[in-house]
Structure formats: C-alpha cells, structure tokens
C-alpha cells in the first residue's frame, strides 16, 4: 500500500485535551492520549467512537515548548484500538497556526529533551 502522508509521522505518547462537537450542538471535553503526530495531523486514543468528518478541537503540549498548541481538526478514520476496548482515530489538522505547525515539525525532526505534557 502506498503511503499518502505528506508529513513524517513519529510516536508521540502524550496527553492531549480534545473538544468534540457532538451532533446535538454540545461539546464533549476530555483528556486523552495521543499515539503519533505529524505536521498534518495526530493519532489519538478514545474511549468512545466518533464519526469520520467529525470536527474536533485539540490542545497539546510539545516537549521543550512551554505554550500549548491549539489546532482544529477533522476525524478522517476510526478503528478499534489494539486492546479492543478503546478506539484509535486519525485526525487531520484543518486549522493550525503556521508557527505551531513548525514547532511540531521541529519536534519531529530534532526530538526532545523533556516530557512536558498535561497533568
């Protein structure tokens, strides 16, 4: 299968905050764990499934960068996680500040010296 990703993706086991716009117009706020990240999106683990094309707001900390990054995204796929209890979603960034995207790209390219994340 040919890889369609434009950005390199790396493991990224950090906690992130998600706000998911539900069908009834309400938001579901949760802290979840990411699995990997790229300049174009992030893989996250969730307790409940959500539909593809679902808008989602993400807030994350990148190690060695002391300001949270906020991005808007869209769920592009959803699968059952390896533990068969959780769900794994691929989220494409639809709106992210270019400086924040560069912070993510620098993290991917140069790595990190710390473990900065939400508590």
N, C-alpha and C. Protein backbone atom coordinates (compact mmCIF):
# COMPACT_ATOMS: atom_id res chain seq x y z
N UNK A 1 0.84 -1.18 0.00
CA UNK A 1 0.00 0.00 0.00
C UNK A 1 0.89 1.24 0.00
N UNK A 2 0.59 2.18 -0.87
CA UNK A 2 1.38 3.39 -1.00
C UNK A 2 1.04 4.37 0.12
N UNK A 3 2.07 4.95 0.72
CA UNK A 3 1.89 5.93 1.78
C UNK A 3 1.41 7.25 1.18
N UNK A 4 0.32 7.83 1.72
CA UNK A 4 -0.26 9.05 1.19
C UNK A 4 0.08 10.27 2.05
N UNK A 5 0.79 10.09 3.13
CA UNK A 5 1.08 11.21 4.02
C UNK A 5 2.13 12.13 3.44
N UNK A 6 1.90 13.44 3.63
CA UNK A 6 2.83 14.46 3.17
C UNK A 6 3.91 14.70 4.22
N UNK A 7 3.53 14.60 5.52
CA UNK A 7 4.44 14.87 6.62
C UNK A 7 4.91 13.56 7.26
N UNK A 8 6.15 13.56 7.75
CA UNK A 8 6.67 12.44 8.51
C UNK A 8 5.90 12.33 9.82
N UNK A 9 5.59 11.12 10.26
CA UNK A 9 4.84 10.87 11.48
C UNK A 9 5.76 10.14 12.46
N UNK A 10 5.72 10.54 13.74
CA UNK A 10 6.53 9.91 14.78
C UNK A 10 5.67 9.55 15.98
N UNK A 11 6.14 8.59 16.78
CA UNK A 11 5.45 8.23 18.01
C UNK A 11 5.37 9.45 18.92
N UNK A 12 4.24 9.59 19.60
CA UNK A 12 4.01 10.77 20.43
C UNK A 12 3.01 10.40 21.52
N UNK A 13 3.46 9.71 22.55
CA UNK A 13 2.56 9.23 23.61
C UNK A 13 2.29 10.26 24.68
N UNK A 14 1.72 11.39 24.31
CA UNK A 14 1.44 12.47 25.25
C UNK A 14 -0.07 12.64 25.46
N UNK A 15 -0.42 13.22 26.61
CA UNK A 15 -1.82 13.54 26.87
C UNK A 15 -2.19 14.79 26.08
N UNK A 16 -3.41 14.81 25.55
CA UNK A 16 -3.93 15.99 24.87
C UNK A 16 -5.36 16.23 25.31
N UNK A 17 -5.80 17.46 25.18
CA UNK A 17 -7.18 17.83 25.50
C UNK A 17 -7.96 17.89 24.20
N UNK A 18 -9.12 17.25 24.18
CA UNK A 18 -9.98 17.22 22.99
C UNK A 18 -11.33 17.84 23.32
N UNK A 19 -11.82 18.65 22.43
CA UNK A 19 -13.20 19.13 22.48
C UNK A 19 -13.86 18.65 21.21
N UNK A 20 -14.88 17.83 21.35
CA UNK A 20 -15.56 17.23 20.20
C UNK A 20 -16.96 17.83 20.10
N UNK A 21 -17.27 18.39 18.95
CA UNK A 21 -18.61 18.93 18.72
C UNK A 21 -19.55 17.77 18.44
N UNK A 22 -20.52 17.57 19.32
CA UNK A 22 -21.48 16.48 19.17
C UNK A 22 -22.64 16.90 18.28
N UNK A 23 -23.37 15.93 17.77
CA UNK A 23 -24.48 16.19 16.86
C UNK A 23 -25.51 17.15 17.44
N UNK A 24 -25.75 17.07 18.73
CA UNK A 24 -26.77 17.91 19.34
C UNK A 24 -26.26 19.32 19.64
N UNK A 25 -25.06 19.66 19.18
CA UNK A 25 -24.53 21.01 19.36
C UNK A 25 -23.71 21.20 20.62
N UNK A 26 -23.66 20.20 21.48
CA UNK A 26 -22.87 20.28 22.71
C UNK A 26 -21.43 19.85 22.43
N UNK A 27 -20.56 20.13 23.40
CA UNK A 27 -19.17 19.72 23.29
C UNK A 27 -18.86 18.64 24.31
N UNK A 28 -18.04 17.69 23.95
CA UNK A 28 -17.54 16.70 24.89
C UNK A 28 -16.06 17.01 25.09
N UNK A 29 -15.69 17.38 26.30
CA UNK A 29 -14.32 17.74 26.64
C UNK A 29 -13.68 16.56 27.33
N UNK A 30 -12.49 16.18 26.89
CA UNK A 30 -11.82 15.06 27.53
C UNK A 30 -10.32 15.19 27.38
N UNK A 31 -9.62 14.52 28.26
CA UNK A 31 -8.17 14.37 28.15
C UNK A 31 -7.95 12.96 27.63
N UNK A 32 -7.18 12.83 26.59
CA UNK A 32 -6.93 11.53 26.01
C UNK A 32 -5.45 11.42 25.69
N UNK A 33 -5.04 10.30 25.17
CA UNK A 33 -3.63 10.09 24.87
C UNK A 33 -3.43 10.00 23.37
N UNK A 34 -2.38 10.63 22.92
CA UNK A 34 -2.05 10.55 21.51
C UNK A 34 -1.13 9.35 21.28
N UNK A 35 -1.10 8.89 20.06
CA UNK A 35 -0.22 7.78 19.70
C UNK A 35 0.91 8.25 18.80
N UNK A 36 0.59 9.12 17.86
CA UNK A 36 1.62 9.65 16.97
C UNK A 36 1.20 11.02 16.48
N UNK A 37 2.16 11.74 15.89
CA UNK A 37 1.90 13.11 15.45
C UNK A 37 2.71 13.40 14.20
N UNK A 38 2.19 14.30 13.39
CA UNK A 38 2.92 14.81 12.22
C UNK A 38 2.54 16.27 12.06
N UNK A 39 3.13 16.92 11.08
CA UNK A 39 2.76 18.30 10.80
C UNK A 39 1.36 18.41 10.24
N UNK A 40 0.79 17.30 9.79
CA UNK A 40 -0.53 17.33 9.18
C UNK A 40 -1.64 16.77 10.03
N UNK A 41 -1.31 16.11 11.15
CA UNK A 41 -2.36 15.53 11.97
C UNK A 41 -1.80 14.75 13.14
N UNK A 42 -2.72 14.08 13.84
CA UNK A 42 -2.36 13.35 15.06
C UNK A 42 -3.24 12.12 15.19
N UNK A 43 -2.67 11.05 15.73
CA UNK A 43 -3.44 9.85 16.06
C UNK A 43 -3.76 9.87 17.53
N UNK A 44 -5.03 9.68 17.89
CA UNK A 44 -5.43 9.73 19.30
C UNK A 44 -6.23 8.49 19.67
N UNK A 45 -6.14 8.13 20.95
CA UNK A 45 -6.91 7.03 21.51
C UNK A 45 -8.13 7.61 22.22
N UNK A 46 -9.30 7.00 21.99
CA UNK A 46 -10.54 7.50 22.59
C UNK A 46 -11.30 6.36 23.26
N UNK A 47 -12.11 6.69 24.25
CA UNK A 47 -12.93 5.70 24.94
C UNK A 47 -14.21 5.38 24.18
N UNK A 48 -14.69 6.33 23.38
CA UNK A 48 -15.92 6.13 22.61
C UNK A 48 -15.66 6.48 21.15
N UNK A 49 -16.32 5.79 20.24
CA UNK A 49 -16.10 6.11 18.83
C UNK A 49 -16.80 7.42 18.45
N UNK A 50 -16.25 8.08 17.45
CA UNK A 50 -16.91 9.25 16.86
C UNK A 50 -16.87 9.06 15.35
N UNK A 51 -17.73 9.77 14.67
CA UNK A 51 -17.84 9.56 13.23
C UNK A 51 -16.74 10.29 12.46
N UNK A 52 -16.44 9.79 11.27
CA UNK A 52 -15.49 10.47 10.42
C UNK A 52 -16.07 11.81 10.00
N UNK A 53 -15.21 12.71 9.66
CA UNK A 53 -15.53 14.10 9.33
C UNK A 53 -15.99 14.89 10.55
N UNK A 54 -15.91 14.29 11.73
CA UNK A 54 -16.30 14.94 12.98
C UNK A 54 -15.30 16.07 13.29
N UNK A 55 -15.78 17.31 13.48
CA UNK A 55 -14.86 18.39 13.88
C UNK A 55 -14.37 18.16 15.30
N UNK A 56 -13.12 18.49 15.53
CA UNK A 56 -12.53 18.29 16.84
C UNK A 56 -11.51 19.40 17.10
N UNK A 57 -11.49 19.89 18.32
CA UNK A 57 -10.51 20.89 18.73
C UNK A 57 -9.50 20.20 19.64
N UNK A 58 -8.23 20.44 19.40
CA UNK A 58 -7.17 19.77 20.15
C UNK A 58 -6.28 20.80 20.83
N UNK A 59 -5.88 20.50 22.04
CA UNK A 59 -4.90 21.32 22.74
C UNK A 59 -3.82 20.38 23.25
N UNK A 60 -2.57 20.68 22.90
CA UNK A 60 -1.48 19.78 23.25
C UNK A 60 -0.24 20.55 23.65
N UNK A 61 0.60 19.89 24.39
CA UNK A 61 1.90 20.45 24.74
C UNK A 61 2.95 19.68 23.97
N UNK A 62 3.89 20.40 23.38
CA UNK A 62 5.03 19.79 22.71
C UNK A 62 6.21 19.95 23.65
N UNK A 63 6.93 18.87 23.95
CA UNK A 63 8.08 18.98 24.85
C UNK A 63 9.04 20.09 24.42
N UNK A 64 9.60 20.79 25.41
CA UNK A 64 10.55 21.89 25.22
C UNK A 64 9.90 23.15 24.67
N UNK A 65 8.58 23.17 24.54
CA UNK A 65 7.85 24.35 24.09
C UNK A 65 6.81 24.61 25.17
N UNK A 66 6.85 25.76 25.79
CA UNK A 66 6.09 25.97 27.03
C UNK A 66 4.78 26.72 26.85
N UNK A 67 4.21 26.60 25.67
CA UNK A 67 2.89 27.16 25.39
C UNK A 67 2.09 26.04 24.72
N UNK A 68 0.84 25.90 25.12
CA UNK A 68 0.05 24.85 24.49
C UNK A 68 -0.26 25.22 23.04
N UNK A 69 -0.34 24.22 22.21
CA UNK A 69 -0.69 24.38 20.80
C UNK A 69 -2.16 24.00 20.66
N UNK A 70 -2.91 24.85 20.01
CA UNK A 70 -4.32 24.59 19.76
C UNK A 70 -4.51 24.43 18.26
N UNK A 71 -5.20 23.38 17.88
CA UNK A 71 -5.46 23.12 16.46
C UNK A 71 -6.89 22.64 16.29
N UNK A 72 -7.46 22.94 15.16
CA UNK A 72 -8.75 22.39 14.77
C UNK A 72 -8.47 21.22 13.85
N UNK A 73 -9.30 20.20 13.93
CA UNK A 73 -9.08 19.03 13.10
C UNK A 73 -10.38 18.37 12.70
N UNK A 74 -10.21 17.30 11.96
CA UNK A 74 -11.34 16.51 11.45
C UNK A 74 -10.93 15.04 11.50
N UNK A 75 -11.80 14.22 12.06
CA UNK A 75 -11.52 12.79 12.12
C UNK A 75 -11.61 12.22 10.69
N UNK A 76 -10.53 11.59 10.24
CA UNK A 76 -10.52 11.04 8.88
C UNK A 76 -10.73 9.52 8.87
N UNK A 77 -10.44 8.88 9.99
CA UNK A 77 -10.74 7.45 10.12
C UNK A 77 -10.80 7.08 11.60
N UNK A 78 -11.46 5.95 11.88
CA UNK A 78 -11.63 5.46 13.26
C UNK A 78 -11.55 3.94 13.22
N UNK A 79 -10.73 3.36 14.10
CA UNK A 79 -10.59 1.90 14.22
C UNK A 79 -10.64 1.49 15.68
N UNK A 80 -10.90 0.23 15.92
CA UNK A 80 -10.78 -0.32 17.28
C UNK A 80 -9.30 -0.38 17.62
N UNK A 81 -8.95 0.04 18.83
CA UNK A 81 -7.55 0.02 19.27
C UNK A 81 -7.10 -1.42 19.53
N UNK A 82 -5.80 -1.58 19.70
CA UNK A 82 -5.21 -2.91 19.92
C UNK A 82 -5.82 -3.63 21.12
N UNK A 83 -6.21 -2.88 22.17
CA UNK A 83 -6.77 -3.52 23.36
C UNK A 83 -8.24 -3.91 23.19
N UNK A 84 -8.83 -3.59 22.05
CA UNK A 84 -10.21 -3.90 21.69
C UNK A 84 -11.25 -3.28 22.61
N UNK A 85 -10.83 -2.36 23.49
CA UNK A 85 -11.75 -1.63 24.36
C UNK A 85 -11.84 -0.16 23.95
N UNK A 86 -10.73 0.39 23.49
CA UNK A 86 -10.66 1.78 23.10
C UNK A 86 -10.76 1.90 21.58
N UNK A 87 -10.73 3.13 21.11
CA UNK A 87 -10.78 3.40 19.68
C UNK A 87 -9.61 4.29 19.31
N UNK A 88 -9.12 4.13 18.11
CA UNK A 88 -8.00 4.91 17.62
C UNK A 88 -8.47 5.73 16.43
N UNK A 89 -8.27 7.03 16.50
CA UNK A 89 -8.75 7.94 15.45
C UNK A 89 -7.58 8.68 14.82
N UNK A 90 -7.64 8.81 13.51
CA UNK A 90 -6.71 9.64 12.78
C UNK A 90 -7.35 11.00 12.56
N UNK A 91 -6.69 12.06 13.02
CA UNK A 91 -7.23 13.41 12.93
C UNK A 91 -6.33 14.26 12.04
N UNK A 92 -6.92 14.84 11.02
CA UNK A 92 -6.19 15.74 10.13
C UNK A 92 -6.37 17.16 10.63
N UNK A 93 -5.26 17.92 10.76
CA UNK A 93 -5.37 19.32 11.15
C UNK A 93 -6.03 20.09 10.02
N UNK A 94 -7.08 20.83 10.35
CA UNK A 94 -7.74 21.68 9.35
C UNK A 94 -7.42 23.15 9.59
N UNK A 95 -7.03 23.49 10.82
CA UNK A 95 -6.63 24.85 11.14
C UNK A 95 -5.59 24.80 12.25
N UNK A 96 -4.39 25.26 11.92
CA UNK A 96 -3.31 25.32 12.90
C UNK A 96 -2.41 26.49 12.52
N UNK A 97 -2.00 27.24 13.51
CA UNK A 97 -1.11 28.36 13.27
C UNK A 97 0.19 27.85 12.64
N UNK A 98 0.71 28.55 11.66
CA UNK A 98 1.92 28.09 10.95
C UNK A 98 3.11 27.98 11.91
N UNK A 99 3.21 28.88 12.91
CA UNK A 99 4.28 28.79 13.88
C UNK A 99 4.14 27.52 14.72
N UNK A 100 2.91 27.20 15.13
CA UNK A 100 2.67 25.99 15.92
C UNK A 100 2.98 24.74 15.10
N UNK A 101 2.62 24.75 13.81
CA UNK A 101 2.97 23.60 12.96
C UNK A 101 4.49 23.44 12.88
N UNK A 102 5.20 24.55 12.81
CA UNK A 102 6.67 24.48 12.76
C UNK A 102 7.23 23.91 14.06
N UNK A 103 6.63 24.24 15.20
CA UNK A 103 7.06 23.67 16.48
C UNK A 103 6.93 22.14 16.43
N UNK A 104 5.81 21.65 15.90
CA UNK A 104 5.61 20.20 15.77
C UNK A 104 6.66 19.61 14.83
N UNK A 105 6.90 20.26 13.70
CA UNK A 105 7.90 19.76 12.74
C UNK A 105 9.30 19.74 13.34
N UNK A 106 9.64 20.76 14.13
CA UNK A 106 10.95 20.78 14.81
C UNK A 106 11.04 19.64 15.81
N UNK A 107 9.96 19.39 16.54
CA UNK A 107 9.95 18.27 17.50
C UNK A 107 10.19 16.95 16.76
N UNK A 108 9.52 16.77 15.63
CA UNK A 108 9.68 15.54 14.85
C UNK A 108 11.11 15.40 14.35
N UNK A 109 11.66 16.49 13.86
CA UNK A 109 12.99 16.44 13.27
C UNK A 109 14.11 16.35 14.30
N UNK A 110 14.02 17.15 15.37
CA UNK A 110 15.12 17.25 16.33
C UNK A 110 14.91 16.46 17.61
N UNK A 111 13.68 16.02 17.89
CA UNK A 111 13.40 15.29 19.12
C UNK A 111 13.22 16.22 20.30
N UNK A 112 13.30 15.66 21.50
CA UNK A 112 13.02 16.41 22.72
C UNK A 112 13.95 15.99 23.84
N UNK A 113 14.10 16.91 24.80
CA UNK A 113 14.89 16.60 26.00
C UNK A 113 14.02 16.48 27.23
N UNK A 114 12.73 16.77 27.12
CA UNK A 114 11.85 16.75 28.30
C UNK A 114 10.60 15.94 28.03
N UNK A 115 9.70 15.92 29.01
CA UNK A 115 8.43 15.19 28.86
C UNK A 115 7.25 16.08 29.20
N UNK A 116 7.29 17.33 28.78
CA UNK A 116 6.24 18.31 29.05
C UNK A 116 4.90 17.83 28.53
N UNK A 117 3.87 17.74 29.38
CA UNK A 117 2.52 17.34 28.95
C UNK A 117 1.51 17.81 29.99
N UNK A 118 0.23 17.67 29.68
CA UNK A 118 -0.80 17.99 30.65
C UNK A 118 -0.71 17.04 31.83
N UNK A 119 -1.05 17.51 33.01
CA UNK A 119 -1.04 16.64 34.21
C UNK A 119 -2.32 15.86 34.31
